[in-house]
Amino acid sequence: MPTSEKRFSNDLYLAIDQGGHASRAIVFNNSGEIIAQAHRDLSIQRFDDNFVEHNPQELLLSINEAIEDVIKKLGDKAKTIAAAGLATQRSNVVCWNKDTGEALSPVISWQDVREHQWLKSLKSKAQTIHKKTGLFLSPHYGASKLRWCLKNIEAVKKAQQNNELVMGPMASFILYNIAEEQPLVADPSNASRTQLWGLIKKNWHPKLLALFEIDAELLPRCVPSNHAFGTLKVSGLSIPIQLCMGDQSAAMYAYGTVQPGTAYVNTGTGAFVSRPSGYAMLYGRRLLTSVIYQNKSQSHYVLEGTINGAGSAIDFVSKELKLDNVLDNLGDWLHATRNGHDSDFKQLYLNGISGLGAPFWVADFQSRFLHESNDQNKIVAVVESIIFLIRENINEMQKLSSPPEQIQITGGLTIQDEICQRLADLTKLAVYRPMECEATARGLAYKLAGEPKIWPEKEVGKWFKPKTNVGLQARYKEWNTALLEALRH
C-alpha cells in the first residue's frame, strides 16, 4: 500500500481472486479474519489438447456478481471497506477495444499451448529470452498467444487498423472493466508472464516485442503492484483499487512476511513451487526467476517451478476413465495405497498434462501410465506424479541456495492429509498446511492492510513430519528413471 495511506482498526479489505474455475470476492478485517465471502463458478473450454479458453463476458460477469454478492452480505459494514485488490492467473491474456472495453478475443488460458510448434522456430533465442525475462521459451506464456491473435482473429486485425486495439494480461482487461477510470495498466507479476517484460528495467522490452512482432503501443502501461488503479463503484460505494498481483504471488503472503527458509507450494489447476530470494534475482538453469511484488522502491523475487498438471491432471484422467466423484473418494484411495516397507501398489504416471513444466520444459510431452492397475490406483498415480514433480523442483532449487527448512503447502488438493504426508516423506522435510488453504485472497488482504506486524491464523494448521516410506521412495526412483528415458526419445 502507498506509505501515505492510513489504516484504521475497523477497516475492511476486499480481495478479488479470479481463478481458473471461479471468481471469489472475500472481505477481511485488519486481523486477517474473513468477514464475508462470495463466489461464482466459471466455465473453461478445451477445444483439443492445445486450445484452452474462457468466455470474457462470463468471466467479467462472475467477478461483478461475486463483488455485488459480498457487498450485500456485509450490509452497513461495507462502508468501512478501505481498499480493494485483484489477483489473477498470471499468464492468461486477452485482446480488447480500448475505447469500449469489449473483448475482441477469448481469454486465452495459461494452460493453452496453441503456438508450441511455432515457438520451436525461436529455439536459438531461448537463452536470451531466459536472461531477459526469467522465463523459458514456452507456449504457456502470453507472447506467442498475443501474436497468434494478431495473425488469426479478424476483429483484432480490424481494431489494430482503426487504432482501437489493446492487448495483454487478463488482469489489465479486468481492471479496465471494473474500475470507473478504465485504466490501461499492467502490474509486474502479470506483465512479466507475457514474456515481453524485462526483469531489469521492469518494462516492455523492445527486443522481445520485435521478436514476437508486437507493437509496444498495443500494450498497457507498466506500473508497480501497489498503484492507484482506479475506483470500484458498487452498490453506491466508491472503493479504491490499490493492489494487483498474480495469484501465486499473492498466495505467498497469506500468513505474513515471506520466510526465506520456506519452500512455498500452492496447488490448484497447476502446482507452483516458490523459494524466496528476497531482493536478489537468482537465475536457475531450469527454473524461473519471478517478480512477486514491486513497489516504487524495491522488488521481491523468487525462484519458481511450475507444474502444469495438478488439479487439471486429475480432472483430465478422471474424465478419460469416466470416473465420478473422484475428489470425494480420493482420501480412501490414497489411504488404501499407503505403505510401509512393501506394497503391491506399483502404478506410475508420467504427467505431461498441459505440457511438462519445470524443471524439464517440454511443451508436447505425451502423458502415459506405467504398469496396469485399476482405475482408483491410476488416480493415485496421478496424485503421486504431482508430488514427484514438486520434489524435482525442490531438488533443483537446492542447487542454487541452501536447502529449505520446511515446506508450506496451500491450495485445494492439500485438504488430503495423505498428499501432505507423502510430500513430507519424499522430501524428508516437515510440511505445514495452514487451516485456511485458500491463500491467494488472504495474501492480497495482508498487503492491502499495510502488512500488519500481527497477522495471526485464526486456527493453527497441521504439521506433517517425514516418515519412512520405502515403497514411495522406490516408486519415485522408478518414475524418475522412466521420465528421463522418455525425454531421451
Protein backbone atom coordinates (compact mmCIF):
# COMPACT_ATOMS: atom_id res chain seq x y z
CA MET A 1 0.00 0.00 0.00
CA PRO A 2 1.21 3.59 -0.56
CA THR A 3 3.01 4.77 2.57
CA SER A 4 0.80 7.84 2.78
CA GLU A 5 -2.32 5.75 3.28
CA LYS A 6 -3.61 5.44 6.84
CA ARG A 7 -5.31 2.31 8.08
CA PHE A 8 -7.82 2.15 10.93
CA SER A 9 -8.74 -0.71 13.25
CA ASN A 10 -12.21 -1.15 11.79
CA ASP A 11 -11.09 -1.05 8.14
CA LEU A 12 -12.08 -3.90 5.86
CA TYR A 13 -10.33 -5.08 2.69
CA LEU A 14 -11.88 -6.56 -0.44
CA ALA A 15 -9.80 -9.27 -2.12
CA ILE A 16 -10.92 -10.22 -5.64
CA ASP A 17 -9.47 -13.60 -6.60
CA GLN A 18 -10.12 -14.58 -10.21
CA GLY A 19 -9.15 -18.26 -10.62
CA GLY A 20 -9.43 -20.96 -13.24
CA HIS A 21 -12.78 -22.33 -12.06
CA ALA A 22 -14.31 -19.49 -10.04
CA SER A 23 -14.22 -15.80 -9.21
CA ARG A 24 -14.15 -15.03 -5.48
CA ALA A 25 -14.76 -11.85 -3.54
CA ILE A 26 -13.61 -12.13 0.08
CA VAL A 27 -13.61 -9.37 2.69
CA PHE A 28 -11.06 -9.44 5.53
CA ASN A 29 -10.54 -7.30 8.58
CA ASN A 30 -7.26 -5.95 9.98
CA SER A 31 -6.66 -9.20 11.87
CA GLY A 32 -6.84 -11.41 8.80
CA GLU A 33 -10.31 -12.77 9.59
CA ILE A 34 -12.84 -13.39 6.83
CA ILE A 35 -15.89 -11.19 7.40
CA ALA A 36 -17.86 -12.16 4.29
CA GLN A 37 -17.25 -14.04 1.05
CA ALA A 38 -18.96 -14.91 -2.20
CA HIS A 39 -18.02 -16.80 -5.33
CA ARG A 40 -19.28 -17.55 -8.82
CA ASP A 41 -18.27 -20.59 -10.83
CA LEU A 42 -16.57 -20.08 -14.16
CA SER A 43 -16.52 -22.49 -17.08
CA ILE A 44 -13.46 -23.35 -19.12
CA GLN A 45 -13.46 -24.51 -22.72
CA ARG A 46 -10.98 -27.08 -24.00
CA PHE A 47 -11.27 -27.49 -27.77
CA ASP A 48 -8.44 -30.00 -28.12
CA ASP A 49 -5.16 -30.68 -26.38
CA ASN A 50 -3.88 -27.20 -27.32
CA PHE A 51 -6.72 -24.65 -27.06
CA VAL A 52 -7.94 -23.66 -23.57
CA GLU A 53 -10.14 -20.59 -23.16
CA HIS A 54 -12.60 -18.66 -21.00
CA ASN A 55 -15.51 -16.58 -22.24
CA PRO A 56 -14.56 -12.96 -21.37
CA GLN A 57 -18.16 -11.81 -20.82
CA GLU A 58 -18.86 -14.73 -18.49
CA LEU A 59 -15.61 -14.02 -16.65
CA LEU A 60 -16.45 -10.35 -16.05
CA LEU A 61 -19.99 -11.23 -15.01
CA SER A 62 -18.70 -13.77 -12.48
CA ILE A 63 -16.42 -11.14 -10.93
CA ASN A 64 -19.11 -8.46 -10.77
CA GLU A 65 -21.71 -10.81 -9.32
CA ALA A 66 -19.30 -12.08 -6.65
CA ILE A 67 -18.45 -8.50 -5.66
CA GLU A 68 -22.11 -7.43 -5.53
CA ASP A 69 -22.99 -10.52 -3.50
CA VAL A 70 -20.30 -9.97 -0.88
CA ILE A 71 -21.21 -6.27 -0.54
CA LYS A 72 -24.83 -7.27 0.01
CA LYS A 73 -23.81 -9.78 2.69
CA LEU A 74 -21.83 -7.09 4.53
CA GLY A 75 -24.74 -4.65 4.79
CA ASP A 76 -23.71 -1.42 6.55
CA LYS A 77 -20.24 -2.81 7.23
CA ALA A 78 -19.47 -2.42 3.52
CA LYS A 79 -18.95 1.31 4.13
CA THR A 80 -15.75 0.51 6.03
CA ILE A 81 -14.03 -1.20 3.07
CA ALA A 82 -10.82 0.84 2.80
CA ALA A 83 -9.35 -0.71 -0.34
CA ALA A 84 -9.66 -3.50 -2.89
CA GLY A 85 -7.09 -5.69 -4.61
CA LEU A 86 -7.13 -8.08 -7.56
CA ALA A 87 -5.27 -11.35 -8.08
CA THR A 88 -5.45 -13.38 -11.29
CA GLN A 89 -3.87 -16.28 -13.11
CA ARG A 90 -0.72 -14.67 -14.43
CA SER A 91 -0.31 -15.99 -17.98
CA ASN A 92 -3.92 -15.54 -19.16
CA VAL A 93 -4.18 -12.97 -21.96
CA VAL A 94 -6.92 -11.21 -23.91
CA CYS A 95 -7.39 -8.55 -26.62
CA TRP A 96 -9.96 -5.77 -26.24
CA ASN A 97 -11.20 -2.47 -27.64
CA LYS A 98 -9.53 0.38 -25.76
CA ASP A 99 -12.49 2.69 -26.33
CA THR A 100 -15.35 0.38 -25.31
CA GLY A 101 -13.71 -2.36 -23.21
CA GLU A 102 -15.31 -5.00 -25.46
CA ALA A 103 -13.31 -8.23 -25.68
CA LEU A 104 -12.05 -9.00 -29.20
CA SER A 105 -10.66 -12.43 -28.37
CA PRO A 106 -11.37 -15.16 -25.86
CA VAL A 107 -9.48 -15.07 -22.59
CA ILE A 108 -6.70 -17.47 -23.54
CA SER A 109 -5.72 -19.56 -20.53
CA TRP A 110 -2.20 -20.11 -19.27
CA GLN A 111 -2.86 -23.81 -19.92
CA ASP A 112 -3.24 -23.09 -23.65
CA VAL A 113 -0.32 -24.23 -25.83
CA ARG A 114 -1.65 -23.42 -29.31
CA GLU A 115 1.64 -21.96 -30.52
CA HIS A 116 4.03 -24.65 -29.30
CA GLN A 117 5.03 -25.61 -32.86
CA TRP A 118 5.76 -22.03 -33.95
CA LEU A 119 7.84 -21.39 -30.85
CA LYS A 120 10.30 -24.07 -31.97
CA SER A 121 11.49 -21.54 -34.57
CA LEU A 122 12.77 -19.36 -31.71
CA LYS A 123 14.78 -22.12 -30.05
CA SER A 124 18.08 -20.35 -30.77
CA LYS A 125 16.81 -17.36 -28.76
CA ALA A 126 15.80 -19.39 -25.70
CA GLN A 127 18.80 -18.47 -23.53
CA THR A 128 18.47 -14.77 -24.39
CA ILE A 129 14.77 -14.85 -23.50
CA HIS A 130 15.51 -16.55 -20.18
CA LYS A 131 18.14 -13.96 -19.31
CA LYS A 132 15.87 -11.01 -20.13
CA THR A 133 12.61 -12.32 -18.64
CA GLY A 134 13.49 -15.04 -16.13
CA LEU A 135 11.19 -17.34 -18.13
CA PHE A 136 11.78 -20.21 -20.51
CA LEU A 137 10.55 -20.24 -24.07
CA SER A 138 7.11 -21.72 -23.52
CA PRO A 139 3.64 -21.57 -25.13
CA HIS A 140 2.14 -21.14 -21.65
CA TYR A 141 3.25 -17.51 -21.56
CA GLY A 142 1.38 -14.75 -23.29
CA ALA A 143 3.64 -13.52 -26.12
CA SER A 144 3.01 -16.29 -28.62
CA LYS A 145 -0.74 -16.21 -27.90
CA LEU A 146 -0.95 -12.45 -28.44
CA ARG A 147 0.94 -12.84 -31.71
CA TRP A 148 -1.50 -15.61 -32.70
CA CYS A 149 -4.43 -13.26 -32.08
CA LEU A 150 -2.88 -10.59 -34.31
CA LYS A 151 -2.45 -13.13 -37.11
CA ASN A 152 -5.71 -15.06 -36.81
CA ILE A 153 -8.62 -13.05 -35.34
CA GLU A 154 -10.32 -10.65 -37.77
CA ALA A 155 -11.78 -8.43 -35.03
CA VAL A 156 -8.28 -7.97 -33.60
CA LYS A 157 -6.83 -7.10 -37.01
CA LYS A 158 -9.60 -4.56 -37.66
CA ALA A 159 -9.19 -2.93 -34.23
CA GLN A 160 -5.46 -2.60 -34.85
CA GLN A 161 -6.09 -0.91 -38.20
CA ASN A 162 -8.51 1.52 -36.51
CA ASN A 163 -6.12 2.24 -33.62
CA GLU A 164 -8.64 0.75 -31.16
CA LEU A 165 -6.71 -2.32 -30.06
CA VAL A 166 -5.18 -3.04 -26.67
CA MET A 167 -3.91 -6.47 -25.61
CA GLY A 168 -2.10 -8.01 -22.71
CA PRO A 169 -2.60 -9.66 -19.32
CA MET A 170 -6.12 -10.67 -18.35
CA ALA A 171 -5.63 -8.67 -15.13
CA SER A 172 -5.34 -5.48 -17.20
CA PHE A 173 -8.58 -6.31 -19.04
CA ILE A 174 -10.39 -6.87 -15.74
CA LEU A 175 -9.09 -3.63 -14.24
CA TYR A 176 -10.18 -1.69 -17.33
CA ASN A 177 -13.69 -3.10 -17.00
CA ILE A 178 -14.24 -2.89 -13.23
CA ALA A 179 -12.57 0.47 -12.50
CA GLU A 180 -14.54 3.60 -13.28
CA GLU A 181 -11.44 5.29 -14.75
CA GLN A 182 -10.86 2.46 -17.30
CA PRO A 183 -7.10 2.25 -16.66
CA LEU A 184 -4.75 0.73 -19.24
CA VAL A 185 -2.05 -0.59 -16.91
CA ALA A 186 -0.25 -3.83 -16.07
CA ASP A 187 1.33 -4.88 -12.77
CA PRO A 188 4.73 -6.64 -12.67
CA SER A 189 3.74 -10.22 -11.85
CA ASN A 190 1.13 -10.32 -14.62
CA ALA A 191 3.09 -8.25 -17.16
CA SER A 192 6.15 -10.46 -16.66
CA ARG A 193 4.21 -13.57 -17.66
CA THR A 194 3.61 -12.22 -21.15
CA GLN A 195 7.32 -12.94 -21.81
CA LEU A 196 7.56 -9.41 -23.22
CA TRP A 197 8.59 -7.71 -19.95
CA GLY A 198 12.23 -7.22 -18.95
CA LEU A 199 13.35 -8.05 -15.41
CA ILE A 200 15.95 -5.30 -15.25
CA LYS A 201 14.02 -2.22 -16.40
CA LYS A 202 10.58 -3.54 -15.31
CA ASN A 203 9.03 -2.57 -18.62
CA TRP A 204 8.18 -3.94 -22.06
CA HIS A 205 11.44 -4.98 -23.72
CA PRO A 206 11.98 -3.66 -27.28
CA LYS A 207 13.91 -6.73 -28.47
CA LEU A 208 11.26 -9.12 -27.15
CA LEU A 209 8.49 -7.06 -28.75
CA ALA A 210 10.32 -7.24 -32.07
CA LEU A 211 10.88 -10.98 -31.72
CA PHE A 212 7.16 -11.65 -31.22
CA GLU A 213 6.06 -8.95 -33.70
CA ILE A 214 4.04 -6.93 -31.17
CA ASP A 215 3.99 -3.12 -31.05
CA ALA A 216 4.53 -1.52 -27.64
CA GLU A 217 1.61 0.84 -28.27
CA LEU A 218 -0.77 -2.14 -28.16
CA LEU A 219 0.16 -2.98 -24.55
CA PRO A 220 -0.91 -1.39 -21.24
CA ARG A 221 1.46 0.87 -19.33
CA CYS A 222 3.63 -0.92 -16.75
CA VAL A 223 3.11 0.16 -13.12
CA PRO A 224 4.09 -1.25 -9.67
CA SER A 225 1.99 -3.82 -7.79
CA ASN A 226 0.85 -1.01 -5.45
CA HIS A 227 -0.77 1.63 -7.58
CA ALA A 228 -3.86 3.84 -7.77
CA PHE A 229 -5.57 1.52 -10.28
CA GLY A 230 -8.91 3.29 -10.12
CA THR A 231 -12.24 3.21 -8.33
CA LEU A 232 -14.60 0.29 -7.97
CA LYS A 233 -18.17 1.62 -7.97
CA VAL A 234 -20.60 -0.89 -6.46
CA SER A 235 -23.91 -0.51 -4.58
CA GLY A 236 -23.39 3.21 -4.05
CA LEU A 237 -19.84 2.73 -2.72
CA SER A 238 -16.56 4.01 -4.16
CA ILE A 239 -13.73 1.64 -3.25
CA PRO A 240 -10.14 2.43 -4.32
CA ILE A 241 -8.36 -0.42 -6.10
CA GLN A 242 -4.82 -0.22 -4.73
CA LEU A 243 -3.18 -3.55 -5.50
CA CYS A 244 -2.88 -6.03 -8.36
CA MET A 245 -0.82 -9.24 -8.22
CA GLY A 246 -0.57 -12.68 -9.73
CA ASP A 247 -2.40 -15.38 -7.78
CA GLN A 248 0.74 -17.36 -6.93
CA SER A 249 2.50 -14.16 -5.85
CA ALA A 250 -0.31 -13.14 -3.50
CA ALA A 251 -0.56 -16.64 -2.02
CA MET A 252 2.97 -16.39 -0.62
CA TYR A 253 1.92 -13.51 1.68
CA ALA A 254 -1.15 -15.29 3.09
CA TYR A 255 0.39 -15.74 6.53
CA GLY A 256 2.50 -12.61 6.74
CA THR A 257 6.09 -11.90 5.79
CA VAL A 258 7.62 -14.30 3.30
CA GLN A 259 10.17 -16.58 5.00
CA PRO A 260 13.42 -17.26 3.12
CA GLY A 261 13.86 -20.69 4.73
CA THR A 262 10.49 -21.95 3.47
CA ALA A 263 9.60 -23.55 0.15
CA TYR A 264 6.07 -22.48 -0.77
CA VAL A 265 3.85 -24.89 -2.67
CA ASN A 266 0.45 -23.78 -3.91
CA THR A 267 -1.79 -26.32 -5.63
CA GLY A 268 -4.79 -25.75 -7.84
CA THR A 269 -5.20 -26.26 -11.57
CA GLY A 270 -1.42 -26.39 -11.60
CA ALA A 271 1.09 -26.63 -8.76
CA PHE A 272 3.70 -23.96 -8.12
CA VAL A 273 6.86 -24.26 -6.06
CA SER A 274 8.49 -20.99 -4.96
CA ARG A 275 11.64 -20.25 -2.97
CA PRO A 276 12.06 -16.61 -1.89
CA SER A 277 15.32 -14.90 -2.83
CA GLY A 278 14.46 -11.50 -1.33
CA TYR A 279 15.74 -8.57 -3.38
CA ALA A 280 18.19 -10.79 -5.30
CA MET A 281 17.46 -12.06 -8.81
CA LEU A 282 18.73 -15.64 -8.74
CA TYR A 283 18.91 -17.47 -12.06
CA GLY A 284 18.48 -21.21 -12.26
CA ARG A 285 19.39 -23.18 -15.37
CA ARG A 286 15.99 -24.95 -15.26
CA LEU A 287 13.91 -22.67 -13.01
CA LEU A 288 12.04 -19.40 -13.39
CA THR A 289 13.07 -16.11 -11.85
CA SER A 290 9.82 -14.39 -10.92
CA VAL A 291 8.87 -10.97 -9.55
CA ILE A 292 6.17 -11.48 -6.95
CA TYR A 293 5.81 -7.90 -5.74
CA GLN A 294 7.09 -4.43 -6.64
CA ASN A 295 6.53 -1.03 -5.09
CA LYS A 296 8.17 2.27 -6.06
CA SER A 297 11.46 1.45 -4.36
CA GLN A 298 12.01 -2.31 -4.37
CA SER A 299 11.15 -5.65 -5.94
CA HIS A 300 10.78 -9.08 -4.34
CA TYR A 301 11.87 -12.18 -6.26
CA VAL A 302 11.51 -15.94 -6.08
CA LEU A 303 12.94 -18.96 -7.82
CA GLU A 304 9.90 -20.78 -9.16
CA GLY A 305 8.99 -24.13 -10.63
CA THR A 306 5.67 -24.64 -12.38
CA ILE A 307 3.83 -27.96 -12.63
CA ASN A 308 1.15 -27.57 -15.26
CA GLY A 309 -0.91 -30.64 -14.46
CA ALA A 310 -2.16 -30.78 -10.86
CA GLY A 311 -5.92 -30.45 -10.40
CA SER A 312 -6.22 -30.32 -14.20
CA ALA A 313 -4.40 -33.67 -14.50
CA ILE A 314 -6.76 -35.32 -12.01
CA ASP A 315 -9.75 -33.87 -13.91
CA PHE A 316 -8.37 -34.98 -17.27
CA VAL A 317 -7.65 -38.57 -16.24
CA SER A 318 -10.93 -38.83 -14.32
CA LYS A 319 -12.84 -37.94 -17.48
CA GLU A 320 -10.78 -40.33 -19.58
CA LEU A 321 -11.58 -43.15 -17.13
CA LYS A 322 -15.22 -42.00 -16.82
CA LEU A 323 -14.89 -41.79 -13.04
CA ASP A 324 -17.33 -39.69 -10.99
CA ASN A 325 -16.88 -38.21 -7.51
CA VAL A 326 -13.12 -38.64 -7.65
CA LEU A 327 -12.32 -35.93 -5.09
CA ASP A 328 -14.88 -37.39 -2.67
CA ASN A 329 -13.19 -40.80 -2.86
CA LEU A 330 -9.57 -39.69 -3.19
CA GLY A 331 -8.84 -39.85 0.53
CA ASP A 332 -9.91 -43.50 0.73
CA TRP A 333 -7.92 -44.43 -2.37
CA LEU A 334 -4.80 -42.73 -1.04
CA HIS A 335 -5.21 -44.42 2.33
CA ALA A 336 -5.59 -47.82 0.67
CA THR A 337 -2.23 -47.42 -1.07
CA ARG A 338 -0.41 -46.08 1.98
CA ASN A 339 2.56 -48.35 2.51
CA GLY A 340 5.26 -49.14 4.98
CA HIS A 341 8.12 -51.37 3.90
CA ASP A 342 6.40 -53.05 0.99
CA SER A 343 3.26 -52.69 -1.06
CA ASP A 344 1.55 -54.18 -4.07
CA PHE A 345 0.93 -50.67 -5.36
CA LYS A 346 3.24 -50.12 -8.37
CA GLN A 347 1.28 -47.79 -10.66
CA LEU A 348 3.17 -44.77 -12.07
CA TYR A 349 2.14 -41.83 -14.25
CA LEU A 350 4.32 -39.62 -16.42
CA ASN A 351 2.43 -36.35 -16.18
CA GLY A 352 2.56 -34.06 -19.19
CA ILE A 353 -0.93 -32.58 -18.86
CA SER A 354 -0.82 -29.07 -20.39
CA GLY A 355 2.85 -29.71 -21.11
CA LEU A 356 5.69 -30.89 -18.90
CA GLY A 357 6.79 -27.82 -16.95
CA ALA A 358 9.71 -27.22 -14.61
CA PRO A 359 12.36 -28.37 -14.46
CA PHE A 360 12.05 -30.21 -17.81
CA TRP A 361 10.19 -27.77 -20.11
CA VAL A 362 8.72 -29.99 -22.81
CA ALA A 363 5.53 -28.47 -24.19
CA ASP A 364 4.31 -31.52 -26.11
CA PHE A 365 5.22 -34.34 -23.73
CA GLN A 366 2.91 -37.35 -24.05
CA SER A 367 1.41 -38.41 -20.71
CA ARG A 368 1.29 -42.14 -20.00
CA PHE A 369 0.78 -44.77 -17.31
CA LEU A 370 3.42 -47.35 -16.47
CA HIS A 371 2.12 -50.76 -15.40
CA GLU A 372 -1.51 -51.79 -15.45
CA SER A 373 -3.82 -51.43 -12.49
CA ASN A 374 -7.37 -50.50 -11.55
CA ASP A 375 -8.82 -47.03 -12.11
CA GLN A 376 -8.52 -45.97 -8.47
CA ASN A 377 -4.81 -46.77 -8.46
CA LYS A 378 -4.39 -44.78 -11.66
CA ILE A 379 -5.79 -41.69 -9.95
CA VAL A 380 -3.42 -42.23 -7.03
CA ALA A 381 -0.55 -42.47 -9.53
CA VAL A 382 -1.58 -39.10 -11.00
CA VAL A 383 -1.50 -37.60 -7.49
CA GLU A 384 1.93 -39.08 -6.83
CA SER A 385 3.20 -37.69 -10.15
CA ILE A 386 2.40 -34.20 -8.80
CA ILE A 387 4.32 -34.96 -5.59
CA PHE A 388 7.25 -36.32 -7.60
CA LEU A 389 7.38 -33.17 -9.74
CA ILE A 390 7.32 -30.99 -6.63
CA ARG A 391 10.29 -32.98 -5.33
CA GLU A 392 12.14 -32.47 -8.64
CA ASN A 393 11.70 -28.70 -8.37
CA ILE A 394 12.82 -28.55 -4.76
CA ASN A 395 15.90 -30.60 -5.71
CA GLU A 396 16.67 -28.09 -8.46
CA MET A 397 16.31 -25.14 -6.09
CA GLN A 398 18.82 -26.66 -3.70
CA LYS A 399 21.50 -26.33 -6.38
CA LEU A 400 21.24 -22.54 -6.07
CA SER A 401 20.56 -21.92 -2.41
CA SER A 402 20.61 -23.70 0.93
CA PRO A 403 18.07 -26.50 1.39
CA PRO A 404 14.71 -25.23 2.69
CA GLU A 405 13.98 -25.82 6.35
CA GLN A 406 10.33 -26.66 5.68
CA ILE A 407 7.53 -26.63 3.12
CA GLN A 408 4.31 -24.63 3.41
CA ILE A 409 1.55 -26.05 1.24
CA THR A 410 -1.76 -24.43 0.31
CA GLY A 411 -4.50 -24.86 -2.28
CA GLY A 412 -7.37 -27.19 -2.99
CA LEU A 413 -5.54 -30.53 -3.19
CA THR A 414 -3.99 -30.10 0.23
CA ILE A 415 -7.19 -30.95 2.09
CA GLN A 416 -5.97 -34.53 1.70
CA ASP A 417 -3.71 -35.39 4.63
CA GLU A 418 -2.12 -38.19 2.66
CA ILE A 419 -0.88 -35.84 -0.06
CA CYS A 420 0.85 -33.68 2.55
CA GLN A 421 2.28 -36.71 4.32
CA ARG A 422 3.69 -38.25 1.14
CA LEU A 423 5.31 -34.93 0.24
CA ALA A 424 6.97 -34.86 3.69
CA ASP A 425 8.05 -38.50 3.33
CA LEU A 426 9.54 -37.96 -0.13
CA THR A 427 11.35 -34.67 0.53
CA LYS A 428 12.31 -35.53 4.12
CA LEU A 429 11.12 -32.04 5.06
CA ALA A 430 8.40 -31.08 7.51
CA VAL A 431 5.28 -29.87 5.68
CA TYR A 432 2.98 -27.26 7.20
CA ARG A 433 -0.60 -26.95 5.98
CA PRO A 434 -2.46 -23.88 7.27
CA MET A 435 -6.04 -24.39 8.37
CA GLU A 436 -7.19 -22.00 5.68
CA CYS A 437 -5.74 -23.28 2.42
CA GLU A 438 -7.22 -20.71 0.01
CA ALA A 439 -4.19 -18.47 0.30
CA THR A 440 -4.46 -16.02 -2.62
CA ALA A 441 -7.17 -13.74 -1.22
CA ARG A 442 -5.61 -13.75 2.24
CA GLY A 443 -2.25 -12.67 0.81
CA LEU A 444 -3.92 -9.81 -1.03
CA ALA A 445 -5.61 -8.68 2.18
CA TYR A 446 -2.30 -8.73 4.08
CA LYS A 447 -0.76 -6.40 1.54
CA LEU A 448 -3.86 -4.17 1.39
CA ALA A 449 -3.87 -3.87 5.18
CA GLY A 450 -0.33 -2.47 5.10
CA GLU A 451 1.46 -5.67 6.18
CA PRO A 452 0.34 -5.69 9.85
CA LYS A 453 3.01 -6.92 12.26
CA ILE A 454 0.47 -9.32 13.71
CA TRP A 455 -1.39 -11.31 11.07
CA PRO A 456 -2.46 -14.37 13.03
CA GLU A 457 -4.06 -17.52 11.76
CA LYS A 458 -7.49 -17.93 13.29
CA GLU A 459 -6.72 -21.61 13.82
CA VAL A 460 -3.28 -23.18 13.74
CA GLY A 461 -2.73 -25.58 10.87
CA LYS A 462 -1.23 -29.06 10.81
CA TRP A 463 2.36 -30.27 10.61
CA PHE A 464 3.33 -33.42 8.73
CA LYS A 465 6.66 -34.84 9.85
CA PRO A 466 8.65 -37.08 7.48
CA LYS A 467 8.20 -40.82 7.94
CA THR A 468 9.96 -43.78 6.38
CA ASN A 469 8.11 -44.78 3.21
CA VAL A 470 10.21 -47.29 1.28
CA GLY A 471 7.54 -48.00 -1.32
CA LEU A 472 7.09 -44.33 -2.16
CA GLN A 473 10.83 -43.78 -2.47
CA ALA A 474 11.09 -46.81 -4.77
CA ARG A 475 8.25 -45.58 -6.97
CA TYR A 476 9.83 -42.14 -7.18
CA LYS A 477 13.14 -43.64 -8.25
CA GLU A 478 11.46 -45.78 -10.94
CA TRP A 479 9.33 -42.81 -12.07
CA ASN A 480 12.39 -40.58 -12.35
CA THR A 481 14.28 -43.16 -14.41
CA ALA A 482 11.29 -43.72 -16.71
CA LEU A 483 10.74 -39.98 -17.21
CA LEU A 484 14.37 -39.30 -18.11
CA GLU A 485 14.26 -42.25 -20.52
CA ALA A 486 11.08 -40.90 -22.14
CA LEU A 487 12.70 -37.48 -22.54
CA ARG A 488 15.62 -39.02 -24.43
CA HIS A 489 13.28 -40.40 -27.12
